[in-house]
Protein backbone atom coordinates (compact mmCIF):
# COMPACT_ATOMS: atom_id res chain seq x y z
CA MET A 1 -77.26 42.60 -100.06
CA SER A 2 -76.80 45.87 -101.88
CA GLU A 3 -73.87 48.20 -101.47
CA LYS A 4 -75.11 51.27 -99.57
CA ASN A 5 -71.84 53.17 -99.17
CA PRO A 6 -69.02 54.06 -101.57
CA PRO A 7 -66.40 51.27 -101.77
CA THR A 8 -63.45 51.50 -99.43
CA TRP A 9 -59.87 51.42 -100.68
CA LEU A 10 -59.67 47.75 -99.63
CA GLN A 11 -62.80 46.90 -101.63
CA ARG A 12 -61.37 48.69 -104.65
CA LEU A 13 -58.08 46.81 -104.24
CA GLY A 14 -59.86 43.47 -103.99
CA ARG A 15 -61.91 44.16 -107.12
CA TRP A 16 -58.82 45.24 -109.03
CA LEU A 17 -56.88 42.13 -107.98
CA LEU A 18 -59.74 39.88 -109.05
CA ARG A 19 -59.92 41.62 -112.40
CA VAL A 20 -56.20 41.46 -113.16
CA THR A 21 -55.99 37.80 -112.12
CA GLY A 22 -58.95 36.89 -114.30
CA TRP A 23 -61.56 36.12 -111.63
CA LYS A 24 -65.22 37.15 -111.74
CA PRO A 25 -66.69 38.00 -108.32
CA VAL A 26 -70.18 36.68 -107.54
CA MET A 27 -72.06 38.62 -104.86
CA ASN A 28 -75.45 36.95 -104.39
CA LEU A 29 -75.34 37.64 -100.66
CA PRO A 30 -78.03 37.17 -98.01
CA ASP A 31 -79.85 40.35 -97.09
CA ALA A 32 -78.78 39.89 -93.49
CA PRO A 33 -76.07 41.50 -91.34
CA LYS A 34 -74.59 38.14 -90.30
CA PHE A 35 -74.57 34.61 -91.63
CA VAL A 36 -72.54 31.42 -91.93
CA ALA A 37 -70.63 31.20 -95.22
CA VAL A 38 -69.73 27.78 -96.60
CA GLY A 39 -66.54 27.61 -98.65
CA TYR A 40 -66.51 24.71 -101.14
CA PRO A 41 -64.74 23.07 -102.87
CA HIS A 42 -61.37 23.57 -101.20
CA THR A 43 -58.84 21.38 -103.01
CA SER A 44 -55.72 23.56 -103.26
CA ASN A 45 -53.70 26.16 -101.40
CA TRP A 46 -54.20 28.36 -104.48
CA ASP A 47 -57.84 28.81 -103.42
CA PHE A 48 -56.61 31.23 -100.78
CA PHE A 49 -55.82 34.09 -103.14
CA PRO A 50 -59.09 34.48 -105.09
CA ALA A 51 -61.01 33.89 -101.85
CA LEU A 52 -58.98 36.58 -100.07
CA PHE A 53 -59.40 39.07 -102.91
CA TRP A 54 -63.14 38.36 -103.00
CA GLY A 55 -63.35 38.88 -99.24
CA TRP A 56 -61.70 42.28 -99.59
CA ALA A 57 -63.94 43.18 -102.52
CA SER A 58 -67.10 42.29 -100.60
CA GLY A 59 -66.35 44.58 -97.66
CA LEU A 60 -67.89 42.04 -95.28
CA PRO A 61 -66.60 41.54 -91.70
CA PHE A 62 -65.42 37.95 -92.16
CA LYS A 63 -64.43 35.85 -89.15
CA TRP A 64 -62.50 32.60 -88.96
CA ILE A 65 -62.28 30.00 -86.21
CA GLY A 66 -59.40 28.50 -84.26
CA LYS A 67 -58.89 26.63 -81.01
CA LYS A 68 -58.14 29.01 -78.14
CA GLU A 69 -54.62 27.59 -77.71
CA LEU A 70 -53.71 29.40 -80.95
CA PHE A 71 -54.51 32.74 -79.31
CA PRO A 72 -51.76 33.42 -76.72
CA PRO A 73 -52.03 36.71 -74.76
CA LEU A 74 -50.13 39.05 -77.10
CA LEU A 75 -50.36 37.33 -80.47
CA GLY A 76 -53.97 36.47 -79.70
CA ARG A 77 -54.95 40.14 -79.76
CA VAL A 78 -53.51 40.46 -83.25
CA MET A 79 -55.28 37.32 -84.41
CA VAL A 80 -58.61 38.55 -83.05
CA ALA A 81 -58.05 41.88 -84.81
CA LEU A 82 -57.54 39.91 -88.04
CA GLY A 83 -60.90 38.19 -87.60
CA GLY A 84 -60.01 35.16 -85.48
CA ILE A 85 -62.50 33.68 -83.02
CA PRO A 86 -60.98 31.51 -80.27
CA VAL A 87 -63.04 28.43 -79.39
CA ASP A 88 -62.66 26.54 -76.13
CA ARG A 89 -63.05 22.84 -76.95
CA LYS A 90 -63.63 22.07 -73.23
CA ASN A 91 -66.55 24.49 -72.94
CA SER A 92 -69.77 22.71 -72.03
CA ARG A 93 -71.57 24.52 -74.86
CA GLY A 94 -69.32 22.82 -77.37
CA PHE A 95 -68.14 24.21 -80.68
CA VAL A 96 -71.59 24.65 -82.21
CA GLY A 97 -73.04 26.26 -79.09
CA GLN A 98 -70.17 28.72 -78.74
CA MET A 99 -70.42 29.78 -82.37
CA ALA A 100 -74.21 30.09 -82.15
CA ASP A 101 -73.75 32.31 -79.07
CA TYR A 102 -71.30 34.45 -81.04
CA LEU A 103 -73.69 34.81 -83.98
CA LYS A 104 -76.49 35.93 -81.65
CA ARG A 105 -74.44 38.89 -80.42
CA PRO A 106 -75.09 42.37 -81.85
CA GLY A 107 -72.42 43.27 -84.38
CA ALA A 108 -71.28 39.69 -85.02
CA GLY A 109 -69.50 39.14 -88.31
CA VAL A 110 -69.77 36.55 -91.05
CA VAL A 111 -68.38 33.17 -90.02
CA VAL A 112 -66.59 31.28 -92.81
CA ILE A 113 -66.21 27.48 -92.68
CA ALA A 114 -64.90 24.88 -95.14
CA PRO A 115 -67.15 21.90 -94.32
CA ASP A 116 -64.88 19.33 -95.96
CA GLY A 117 -62.17 20.37 -93.49
CA THR A 118 -59.28 19.24 -95.71
CA ARG A 119 -57.87 19.79 -99.19
CA LYS A 120 -58.01 16.02 -99.75
CA ARG A 121 -61.15 14.07 -100.54
CA ALA A 122 -63.01 13.24 -97.33
CA PRO A 123 -65.93 10.81 -96.95
CA HIS A 124 -68.46 13.49 -96.00
CA TRP A 125 -69.05 17.07 -94.88
CA ARG A 126 -68.91 18.08 -91.24
CA THR A 127 -72.21 19.49 -90.09
CA GLY A 128 -71.26 22.01 -87.40
CA PHE A 129 -71.79 24.96 -89.74
CA TYR A 130 -75.39 23.87 -90.33
CA TYR A 131 -76.32 23.46 -86.67
CA MET A 132 -74.75 26.76 -85.60
CA ALA A 133 -76.72 28.60 -88.29
CA LEU A 134 -79.89 26.74 -87.30
CA GLU A 135 -79.48 27.56 -83.59
CA ALA A 136 -78.59 31.20 -84.26
CA ASP A 137 -81.38 31.54 -86.87
CA VAL A 138 -79.09 33.01 -89.52
CA PRO A 139 -78.75 32.18 -93.24
CA VAL A 140 -76.26 29.77 -94.77
CA ALA A 141 -74.48 31.37 -97.74
CA LEU A 142 -73.15 29.08 -100.46
CA GLY A 143 -69.65 30.27 -101.23
CA TYR A 144 -67.89 28.58 -104.11
CA ILE A 145 -64.94 28.64 -106.45
CA ASN A 146 -65.01 27.51 -110.08
CA TYR A 147 -61.71 27.17 -111.91
CA GLU A 148 -63.48 26.47 -115.21
CA THR A 149 -65.57 29.67 -115.31
CA ARG A 150 -63.12 31.62 -113.10
CA GLU A 151 -65.91 32.57 -110.71
CA VAL A 152 -65.54 33.03 -106.97
CA GLY A 153 -68.00 34.23 -104.37
CA VAL A 154 -71.46 33.54 -102.99
CA GLY A 155 -73.95 32.21 -105.51
CA ASP A 156 -76.98 31.41 -103.33
CA TRP A 157 -78.19 31.15 -99.75
CA PHE A 158 -80.98 29.67 -97.64
CA LEU A 159 -82.33 29.64 -94.11
CA PRO A 160 -81.79 26.20 -92.54
CA SER A 161 -85.10 24.41 -92.04
CA GLY A 162 -84.02 21.79 -89.53
CA ASP A 163 -84.45 19.06 -92.15
CA LEU A 164 -80.80 18.18 -92.61
CA GLU A 165 -81.24 15.86 -95.58
CA ALA A 166 -83.51 18.27 -97.48
CA ASP A 167 -81.16 21.20 -96.93
CA PHE A 168 -78.15 19.13 -97.96
CA GLU A 169 -79.98 18.27 -101.16
CA LYS A 170 -80.27 22.03 -101.88
CA MET A 171 -76.54 22.45 -101.35
CA ARG A 172 -75.68 19.37 -103.39
CA THR A 173 -77.75 20.63 -106.33
CA PHE A 174 -76.07 24.04 -106.18
CA TYR A 175 -72.49 22.80 -105.90
CA GLU A 176 -72.84 20.13 -108.55
CA ALA A 177 -73.76 22.94 -110.95
CA HIS A 178 -71.28 25.58 -109.79
CA GLY A 179 -68.36 24.21 -107.75
CA ARG A 180 -65.21 23.21 -109.64
CA GLY A 181 -62.01 22.92 -107.62
CA LEU A 182 -58.51 23.02 -109.04
CA ASN A 183 -58.29 19.29 -108.29
CA PRO A 184 -61.78 17.86 -109.00
CA ALA A 185 -60.73 14.39 -107.84
CA ALA A 186 -60.41 15.85 -104.34
CA HIS A 187 -64.02 17.05 -104.13
CA THR A 188 -65.60 15.75 -100.93
CA PRO A 189 -69.09 14.26 -101.45
CA ILE A 190 -71.81 16.63 -100.28
CA VAL A 191 -73.36 14.31 -97.73
CA PRO A 192 -73.71 15.03 -94.00
CA ARG A 193 -71.48 13.49 -91.41
CA PRO A 194 -73.20 10.34 -90.02
CA ARG A 195 -74.80 11.04 -86.67
CA SER A 196 -73.08 7.97 -85.26
CA GLU A 197 -69.69 9.64 -85.81
CA ALA A 198 -70.61 13.05 -84.34
CA LYS A 199 -70.19 14.06 -80.72
CA THR A 200 -73.01 16.54 -80.10
CA HIS A 201 -72.35 17.74 -83.66
CA GLU A 202 -68.79 18.75 -82.69
CA PRO A 203 -66.96 19.20 -86.01
CA ALA A 204 -63.21 19.18 -86.54
CA GLU A 205 -63.10 22.62 -88.16
CA VAL A 206 -61.40 23.80 -84.97
CA SER A 207 -58.30 21.78 -85.76
CA ALA A 208 -56.53 24.82 -87.23
């Protein structure tokens, strides 16, 4: 995705903050107006700052997800303005269906998800991000952070094929080469959540 317009003041601020804090932004973005962005590895609260600065520098309309109970009438408007998407866990479409519906809308933004769902080591990745991208027919962008090389951003992307194992192998190969969290011992293995544990592919990313 190439930059077609002059950078905004927020983009310039994000780039300056990355530079002064010693981070190199990586912008190998899908050439698509909307996509699902994976954020991995997430092992520390300190990840927030380089990720935030990178988000500003990119100029992309990032969205984040929360259960609808976190969006009360007045505060909810502010949270939506800041990029929040309320999800109704009782909706018959489920989490994946609701997010796929959102991504199909004109003008939808980029949805960011941390598939490990915790800063601690988990047994596997949650797969909701994959199925929402597959249903909405949008790319999956591989966002990463590397504390050794001081890189942060999106290093690759792919269109989900429907072959979960094959696509996870692509992601595993990428992250084994590029992802280095602040606490490597907390890296969650890049394997999909067992189907026996999923409820219509309903992930726990909505637990925020």
